[in-house]
C-alpha cells in the first residue's frame, strides 16, 4: 500500500513539473500560477521524502 501511495505522489509531482514547464514556456507566463505550482510541488517533494 505504501508503494502505491508513493507512486501516486511521484506521479502528481511529475504532472506539476510538466505544468510548470509548460507555463514557463508560454509567450506570457503567469508568475503567480508558477509560484503556486512550485509550492505544491515542494509540498509533494517533502511528503515523498518523509514517506521513504
N, C-alpha and C. Protein backbone atom coordinates (compact mmCIF):
# COMPACT_ATOMS: atom_id res chain seq x y z
N UNK A 1 0.84 -1.21 0.00
CA UNK A 1 0.00 0.00 0.00
C UNK A 1 0.86 1.25 0.00
N UNK A 2 1.92 1.24 0.80
CA UNK A 2 2.81 2.39 0.88
C UNK A 2 3.41 2.70 -0.50
N UNK A 3 3.76 1.65 -1.24
CA UNK A 3 4.36 1.83 -2.56
C UNK A 3 3.38 2.49 -3.51
N UNK A 4 2.11 2.11 -3.46
CA UNK A 4 1.09 2.72 -4.32
C UNK A 4 0.94 4.20 -3.98
N UNK A 5 0.96 4.52 -2.70
CA UNK A 5 0.84 5.92 -2.26
C UNK A 5 2.04 6.71 -2.76
N UNK A 6 3.23 6.14 -2.60
CA UNK A 6 4.45 6.81 -3.04
C UNK A 6 4.43 7.01 -4.55
N UNK A 7 3.99 6.02 -5.28
CA UNK A 7 3.89 6.13 -6.75
C UNK A 7 2.91 7.23 -7.14
N UNK A 8 1.80 7.33 -6.44
CA UNK A 8 0.82 8.37 -6.72
C UNK A 8 1.40 9.76 -6.46
N UNK A 9 2.14 9.89 -5.37
CA UNK A 9 2.77 11.18 -5.07
C UNK A 9 3.79 11.55 -6.14
N UNK A 10 4.58 10.57 -6.56
CA UNK A 10 5.58 10.84 -7.59
C UNK A 10 4.93 11.20 -8.91
N UNK A 11 3.80 10.58 -9.22
CA UNK A 11 3.08 10.91 -10.45
C UNK A 11 2.54 12.34 -10.39
N UNK A 12 1.98 12.71 -9.25
CA UNK A 12 1.48 14.09 -9.08
C UNK A 12 2.63 15.08 -9.21
N UNK A 13 3.80 14.73 -8.65
CA UNK A 13 4.98 15.58 -8.72
C UNK A 13 5.39 15.78 -10.18
N UNK A 14 5.37 14.71 -10.96
CA UNK A 14 5.73 14.79 -12.38
C UNK A 14 4.74 15.65 -13.16
N UNK A 15 3.46 15.53 -12.83
CA UNK A 15 2.43 16.34 -13.50
C UNK A 15 2.66 17.83 -13.20
N UNK A 16 2.93 18.13 -11.95
CA UNK A 16 3.19 19.53 -11.57
C UNK A 16 4.44 20.05 -12.29
N UNK A 17 5.46 19.21 -12.37
CA UNK A 17 6.69 19.61 -13.06
C UNK A 17 6.39 19.93 -14.52
N UNK A 18 5.57 19.13 -15.16
CA UNK A 18 5.21 19.37 -16.55
C UNK A 18 4.38 20.64 -16.70
N UNK A 19 3.45 20.85 -15.77
CA UNK A 19 2.64 22.08 -15.82
C UNK A 19 3.50 23.33 -15.66
N UNK A 20 4.48 23.26 -14.75
CA UNK A 20 5.39 24.39 -14.55
C UNK A 20 6.19 24.63 -15.83
N UNK A 21 6.70 23.56 -16.41
CA UNK A 21 7.47 23.66 -17.65
C UNK A 21 6.63 24.27 -18.77
N UNK A 22 5.41 23.80 -18.92
CA UNK A 22 4.52 24.34 -19.96
C UNK A 22 4.25 25.82 -19.73
N UNK A 23 3.99 26.19 -18.50
CA UNK A 23 3.65 27.59 -18.20
C UNK A 23 4.85 28.51 -18.42
N UNK A 24 6.04 28.07 -18.06
CA UNK A 24 7.21 28.93 -18.22
C UNK A 24 7.58 29.14 -19.68
N UNK A 25 7.13 28.24 -20.56
CA UNK A 25 7.48 28.38 -21.97
C UNK A 25 6.37 29.02 -22.80
N UNK A 26 5.32 29.48 -22.13
CA UNK A 26 4.26 30.21 -22.85
C UNK A 26 4.78 31.61 -23.18
N UNK A 27 4.17 32.26 -24.16
CA UNK A 27 4.60 33.63 -24.51
C UNK A 27 4.49 34.61 -23.33
N UNK A 28 3.43 34.51 -22.52
CA UNK A 28 3.28 35.40 -21.37
C UNK A 28 2.96 34.55 -20.14
N UNK A 29 3.99 33.97 -19.52
CA UNK A 29 3.75 33.08 -18.37
C UNK A 29 3.13 33.81 -17.19
N UNK A 30 2.28 33.10 -16.47
CA UNK A 30 1.61 33.63 -15.29
C UNK A 30 2.49 33.34 -14.07
N UNK A 31 3.16 34.36 -13.57
CA UNK A 31 4.11 34.20 -12.47
C UNK A 31 3.43 33.70 -11.19
N UNK A 32 2.21 34.15 -10.93
CA UNK A 32 1.50 33.70 -9.73
C UNK A 32 1.14 32.22 -9.82
N UNK A 33 0.72 31.78 -11.00
CA UNK A 33 0.41 30.37 -11.19
C UNK A 33 1.67 29.53 -11.03
N UNK A 34 2.77 29.97 -11.61
CA UNK A 34 4.03 29.24 -11.49
C UNK A 34 4.45 29.14 -10.03
N UNK A 35 4.33 30.22 -9.28
CA UNK A 35 4.70 30.20 -7.86
C UNK A 35 3.83 29.22 -7.09
N UNK A 36 2.54 29.20 -7.36
CA UNK A 36 1.63 28.27 -6.68
C UNK A 36 1.96 26.82 -7.03
N UNK A 37 2.21 26.57 -8.31
CA UNK A 37 2.56 25.21 -8.73
C UNK A 37 3.87 24.75 -8.07
N UNK A 38 4.83 25.66 -7.96
CA UNK A 38 6.10 25.31 -7.31
C UNK A 38 5.91 25.02 -5.83
N UNK A 39 5.02 25.75 -5.16
CA UNK A 39 4.72 25.47 -3.75
C UNK A 39 4.11 24.09 -3.60
N UNK A 40 3.17 23.76 -4.49
CA UNK A 40 2.53 22.45 -4.45
C UNK A 40 3.56 21.35 -4.69
N UNK A 41 4.45 21.59 -5.65
CA UNK A 41 5.49 20.61 -5.97
C UNK A 41 6.43 20.41 -4.78
N UNK A 42 6.78 21.48 -4.10
CA UNK A 42 7.64 21.38 -2.93
C UNK A 42 6.97 20.60 -1.81
N UNK A 43 5.68 20.85 -1.58
CA UNK A 43 4.94 20.10 -0.55
C UNK A 43 4.94 18.61 -0.87
N UNK A 44 4.72 18.28 -2.14
CA UNK A 44 4.74 16.88 -2.55
C UNK A 44 6.12 16.27 -2.37
N UNK A 45 7.15 17.02 -2.71
CA UNK A 45 8.53 16.53 -2.57
C UNK A 45 8.81 16.23 -1.09
N UNK A 46 8.38 17.11 -0.20
CA UNK A 46 8.57 16.89 1.24
C UNK A 46 7.82 15.66 1.70
N UNK A 47 6.59 15.47 1.19
CA UNK A 47 5.80 14.31 1.57
C UNK A 47 6.44 13.02 1.04
N UNK A 48 6.98 13.08 -0.17
CA UNK A 48 7.66 11.91 -0.74
C UNK A 48 8.89 11.55 0.09
N UNK A 49 9.68 12.55 0.44
CA UNK A 49 10.89 12.26 1.21
C UNK A 49 10.57 11.77 2.62
N UNK A 50 9.48 12.19 3.20
CA UNK A 50 9.10 11.69 4.53
C UNK A 50 8.52 10.29 4.45
N UNK A 51 8.01 9.90 3.27
CA UNK A 51 7.44 8.56 3.11
C UNK A 51 8.52 7.50 2.93
N UNK A 52 9.73 7.93 2.59
CA UNK A 52 10.82 6.96 2.37
C UNK A 52 11.32 6.45 3.66
